[in-house]
């Protein structure tokens, strides 16, 4: 059985999402040039771009980005760090989408994830860490709010929705519903005109394991919760001046 709303994708919604991805790839190049390819700023943005590819089921495009993320976290934070664990889980999930040709890699990565998780449990309990991809999507969405253009607001809403989707998928809803990040995401959505009823509808349909995130974006457009009429144009898209 397919994911909910996969069949509800529209050309308008898919095109708007693709434009956001294209702009964020350009922004990644800018960040790498300004801060260096091995900088934390570049690594955080690269993770976000990988996640945006992942949302589109573009697993082959996401794979090298996840691999570079994993290499960075191991070098910067250590083999047994929460950051490395997070990168391994992302890579593992990507391999699930590539299972026809990445089965061996999937099994190897699953083994590494399990070993790291067991070691952490034995040492001092489970991994409890902020989710860097959610935070990067959240920050970019907030930057879009500073623009008065409809195009930038459309981009910002898409990024906010992807942040909600990523966070809800990564953490059990019952544990996060009152958490700080979830409250920040709700306030962010309110800034885009999303009322409480629409927020509840969105959150309970944001798990990527059950719902196609771009299909959900298109459904929200059809329901007029947020209209995607404005295209994401080059001259109106915000430049990130504070990516740390």
Protein backbone atom coordinates (compact mmCIF):
# COMPACT_ATOMS: atom_id res chain seq x y z
CA UNK A 1 0.00 0.00 0.00
CA UNK A 2 1.37 3.40 -1.04
CA UNK A 3 1.81 6.44 1.13
CA UNK A 4 -1.13 8.74 1.75
CA UNK A 5 -1.55 11.60 -0.77
CA UNK A 6 1.08 10.28 -3.17
CA UNK A 7 -1.57 10.31 -5.89
CA UNK A 8 -2.57 13.89 -4.99
CA UNK A 9 0.64 15.48 -6.24
CA UNK A 10 0.03 18.34 -8.65
CA UNK A 11 2.29 19.98 -11.21
CA UNK A 12 2.07 23.29 -9.33
CA UNK A 13 3.05 21.80 -5.98
CA UNK A 14 5.85 19.68 -7.41
CA UNK A 15 7.24 22.61 -9.38
CA UNK A 16 7.20 24.90 -6.32
CA UNK A 17 9.07 22.27 -4.31
CA UNK A 18 11.62 21.72 -7.08
CA UNK A 19 12.28 25.46 -7.21
CA UNK A 20 12.98 25.55 -3.48
CA UNK A 21 15.39 22.62 -3.83
CA UNK A 22 17.18 24.30 -6.74
CA UNK A 23 17.63 27.52 -4.77
CA UNK A 24 18.89 25.68 -1.69
CA UNK A 25 21.47 23.87 -3.81
CA UNK A 26 22.68 27.25 -5.05
CA UNK A 27 22.73 28.52 -1.47
CA UNK A 28 24.85 25.51 -0.47
CA UNK A 29 27.45 26.51 -3.05
CA UNK A 30 27.47 30.04 -1.64
CA UNK A 31 27.88 28.82 1.94
CA UNK A 32 30.69 26.46 0.94
CA UNK A 33 32.48 29.32 -0.80
CA UNK A 34 32.03 31.72 2.12
CA UNK A 35 32.72 29.39 5.04
CA UNK A 36 34.64 26.53 3.41
CA UNK A 37 33.49 23.11 2.28
CA UNK A 38 34.61 21.52 5.55
CA UNK A 39 32.85 24.06 7.78
CA UNK A 40 30.00 23.28 10.15
CA UNK A 41 27.87 25.85 8.30
CA UNK A 42 28.33 24.02 5.00
CA UNK A 43 27.76 20.62 6.61
CA UNK A 44 24.45 21.73 8.15
CA UNK A 45 23.22 23.14 4.85
CA UNK A 46 24.36 20.04 2.97
CA UNK A 47 22.32 17.88 5.33
CA UNK A 48 19.28 20.01 4.62
CA UNK A 49 19.74 19.69 0.85
CA UNK A 50 20.14 15.93 1.24
CA UNK A 51 16.86 15.84 3.17
CA UNK A 52 15.11 17.86 0.45
CA UNK A 53 16.29 15.32 -2.14
CA UNK A 54 15.10 12.54 0.18
CA UNK A 55 11.62 14.10 0.37
CA UNK A 56 11.40 13.80 -3.42
CA UNK A 57 12.54 10.16 -3.28
CA UNK A 58 15.65 11.27 -5.21
CA UNK A 59 17.76 8.81 -3.25
CA UNK A 60 20.65 8.64 -5.72
CA UNK A 61 21.09 12.41 -5.50
CA UNK A 62 20.86 12.36 -1.71
CA UNK A 63 23.31 9.47 -1.17
CA UNK A 64 26.62 11.31 -1.76
CA UNK A 65 25.44 14.16 0.47
CA UNK A 66 24.64 11.76 3.33
CA UNK A 67 28.01 10.06 2.85
CA UNK A 68 29.83 13.39 3.10
CA UNK A 69 27.75 14.25 6.16
CA UNK A 70 28.76 11.00 7.80
CA UNK A 71 32.44 11.59 7.00
CA UNK A 72 32.19 15.10 8.45
CA UNK A 73 30.48 14.04 11.69
CA UNK A 74 32.95 11.24 12.33
CA UNK A 75 35.87 13.62 11.81
CA UNK A 76 34.38 16.60 13.67
CA UNK A 77 32.44 14.96 16.51
CA UNK A 78 33.80 11.41 16.77
CA UNK A 79 32.83 7.90 15.73
CA UNK A 80 30.41 7.43 18.64
CA UNK A 81 28.82 10.87 18.74
CA UNK A 82 25.12 11.67 18.53
CA UNK A 83 25.84 13.59 15.33
CA UNK A 84 27.41 10.51 13.75
CA UNK A 85 24.50 8.36 14.89
CA UNK A 86 22.05 10.79 13.28
CA UNK A 87 24.01 10.78 10.01
CA UNK A 88 24.09 6.97 9.99
CA UNK A 89 20.33 6.76 10.48
CA UNK A 90 19.77 9.20 7.60
CA UNK A 91 22.06 7.17 5.34
CA UNK A 92 20.37 3.93 6.40
CA UNK A 93 16.92 5.31 5.55
CA UNK A 94 18.22 6.48 2.19
CA UNK A 95 19.50 2.98 1.45
CA UNK A 96 16.02 1.62 2.21
CA UNK A 97 14.83 3.70 -0.74
CA UNK A 98 17.64 2.22 -2.85
CA UNK A 99 17.23 -1.33 -1.59
CA UNK A 100 17.25 -2.88 -5.07
CA UNK A 101 20.85 -1.80 -5.59
CA UNK A 102 22.12 -0.93 -2.10
CA UNK A 103 21.10 -3.96 -0.05
CA UNK A 104 24.63 -4.76 1.10
CA UNK A 105 25.24 -1.14 2.07
CA UNK A 106 21.93 -1.06 3.91
CA UNK A 107 22.79 -4.14 5.96
CA UNK A 108 26.25 -2.81 6.79
CA UNK A 109 24.83 0.56 7.86
CA UNK A 110 22.09 -1.07 9.93
CA UNK A 111 24.74 -3.09 11.75
CA UNK A 112 26.76 0.06 12.44
CA UNK A 113 23.63 1.86 13.73
CA UNK A 114 22.74 -1.04 16.03
CA UNK A 115 26.28 -1.33 17.39
CA UNK A 116 26.46 2.38 18.10
CA UNK A 117 23.05 2.36 19.74
CA UNK A 118 23.94 -0.60 21.95
CA UNK A 119 27.21 1.03 22.98
CA UNK A 120 25.40 4.23 23.90
CA UNK A 121 22.81 2.35 25.93
CA UNK A 122 25.54 0.57 27.87
CA UNK A 123 27.44 3.80 28.51
CA UNK A 124 24.83 6.35 29.56
CA UNK A 125 21.45 5.77 27.97
CA UNK A 126 19.88 6.50 24.57
CA UNK A 127 20.81 9.33 22.23
CA UNK A 128 19.00 12.53 23.15
CA UNK A 129 19.96 15.21 20.67
CA UNK A 130 18.45 18.11 18.79
CA UNK A 131 17.68 17.25 15.18
CA UNK A 132 20.00 19.36 12.96
CA UNK A 133 17.98 18.99 9.76
CA UNK A 134 14.80 20.22 11.42
CA UNK A 135 16.71 23.16 12.86
CA UNK A 136 18.23 24.08 9.47
CA UNK A 137 14.85 23.94 7.73
CA UNK A 138 13.33 25.98 10.56
CA UNK A 139 15.99 28.69 10.32
CA UNK A 140 15.66 28.98 6.55
CA UNK A 141 11.90 29.23 6.80
CA UNK A 142 12.16 32.03 9.37
CA UNK A 143 14.46 33.95 7.04
CA UNK A 144 11.78 33.81 4.36
CA UNK A 145 9.35 35.55 6.72
CA UNK A 146 11.54 38.65 6.64
CA UNK A 147 10.78 39.10 2.95
CA UNK A 148 7.62 40.87 1.83
CA UNK A 149 7.39 38.94 -1.44
CA UNK A 150 4.76 36.25 -1.96
CA UNK A 151 7.36 34.06 -3.65
CA UNK A 152 9.65 34.06 -0.61
CA UNK A 153 6.71 33.31 1.67
CA UNK A 154 5.78 30.34 -0.52
CA UNK A 155 9.34 29.03 -0.20
CA UNK A 156 9.26 29.62 3.54
CA UNK A 157 6.02 27.70 3.99
CA UNK A 158 7.39 24.74 2.03
CA UNK A 159 10.53 24.69 4.19
CA UNK A 160 8.41 24.95 7.36
CA UNK A 161 6.24 22.03 6.26
CA UNK A 162 9.32 19.94 5.52
CA UNK A 163 10.68 20.79 8.99
CA UNK A 164 7.47 19.55 10.59
CA UNK A 165 7.51 16.42 8.47
CA UNK A 166 11.14 15.61 9.26
CA UNK A 167 10.69 16.21 12.99
CA UNK A 168 7.47 14.22 13.30
CA UNK A 169 9.06 11.33 11.41
CA UNK A 170 12.21 11.33 13.55
CA UNK A 171 10.52 11.44 16.95
CA UNK A 172 7.39 9.73 18.37
CA UNK A 173 4.57 12.28 18.30
CA UNK A 174 3.46 11.59 21.86
CA UNK A 175 6.90 12.61 23.16
CA UNK A 176 7.37 15.75 21.07
CA UNK A 177 3.93 17.35 21.01
CA UNK A 178 4.76 19.59 23.99
CA UNK A 179 8.48 19.90 23.29
CA UNK A 180 10.31 23.16 22.62
CA UNK A 181 11.02 22.45 18.95
CA UNK A 182 7.41 21.48 18.30
CA UNK A 183 6.18 24.68 19.92
CA UNK A 184 8.60 26.69 17.77
CA UNK A 185 7.35 24.94 14.65
CA UNK A 186 3.75 25.65 15.60
CA UNK A 187 4.55 29.34 16.14
CA UNK A 188 6.34 29.39 12.78
CA UNK A 189 3.30 27.93 11.05
CA UNK A 190 1.08 30.48 12.75
CA UNK A 191 3.28 33.16 11.16
CA UNK A 192 2.29 31.69 7.80
CA UNK A 193 -1.39 31.95 8.67
CA UNK A 194 -1.93 28.33 9.73
CA UNK A 195 -4.63 28.12 12.41
CA UNK A 196 -4.92 25.48 15.14
CA UNK A 197 -7.21 23.17 13.18
CA UNK A 198 -4.98 23.23 10.14
CA UNK A 199 -1.93 22.67 12.36
CA UNK A 200 -3.47 19.56 13.91
CA UNK A 201 -4.42 18.25 10.47
CA UNK A 202 -0.89 18.86 9.21
CA UNK A 203 0.97 17.33 12.16
CA UNK A 204 -1.03 14.11 12.17
CA UNK A 205 -0.34 13.63 8.45
CA UNK A 206 3.33 14.57 8.42
CA UNK A 207 5.00 11.23 9.14
CA UNK A 208 6.98 10.42 6.00
CA UNK A 209 6.53 6.71 6.62
CA UNK A 210 2.79 7.12 6.13
CA UNK A 211 2.32 10.27 4.04
CA UNK A 212 4.01 11.60 0.92
CA UNK A 213 5.28 15.05 2.01
CA UNK A 214 4.93 16.68 -1.41
CA UNK A 215 1.49 15.15 -1.80
CA UNK A 216 0.58 16.69 1.56
CA UNK A 217 1.88 20.05 0.34
CA UNK A 218 -0.43 19.81 -2.68
CA UNK A 219 -3.40 18.83 -0.51
CA UNK A 220 -2.82 21.86 1.73
CA UNK A 221 -2.87 24.00 -1.41
CA UNK A 222 -6.14 22.41 -2.57
CA UNK A 223 -7.67 22.96 0.89
CA UNK A 224 -6.51 26.60 0.72
CA UNK A 225 -4.64 26.23 3.99
CA UNK A 226 -1.72 27.79 2.14
CA UNK A 227 -1.92 28.70 -1.54
CA UNK A 228 1.08 27.95 -3.76
CA UNK A 229 0.17 30.47 -6.46
CA UNK A 230 3.38 32.50 -6.14
CA UNK A 231 6.39 31.05 -7.91
CA UNK A 232 9.76 31.00 -6.14
CA UNK A 233 11.71 33.46 -8.27
CA UNK A 234 15.46 34.04 -8.19
CA UNK A 235 15.42 37.71 -7.26
CA UNK A 236 12.95 37.26 -4.39
CA UNK A 237 14.47 34.23 -2.71
CA UNK A 238 16.25 35.06 0.57
CA UNK A 239 20.00 34.78 0.90
CA UNK A 240 21.10 33.18 4.14
CA UNK A 241 23.42 35.54 5.97
CA UNK A 242 23.48 33.61 9.26
CA UNK A 243 23.79 29.91 8.67
CA UNK A 244 25.64 29.00 11.85
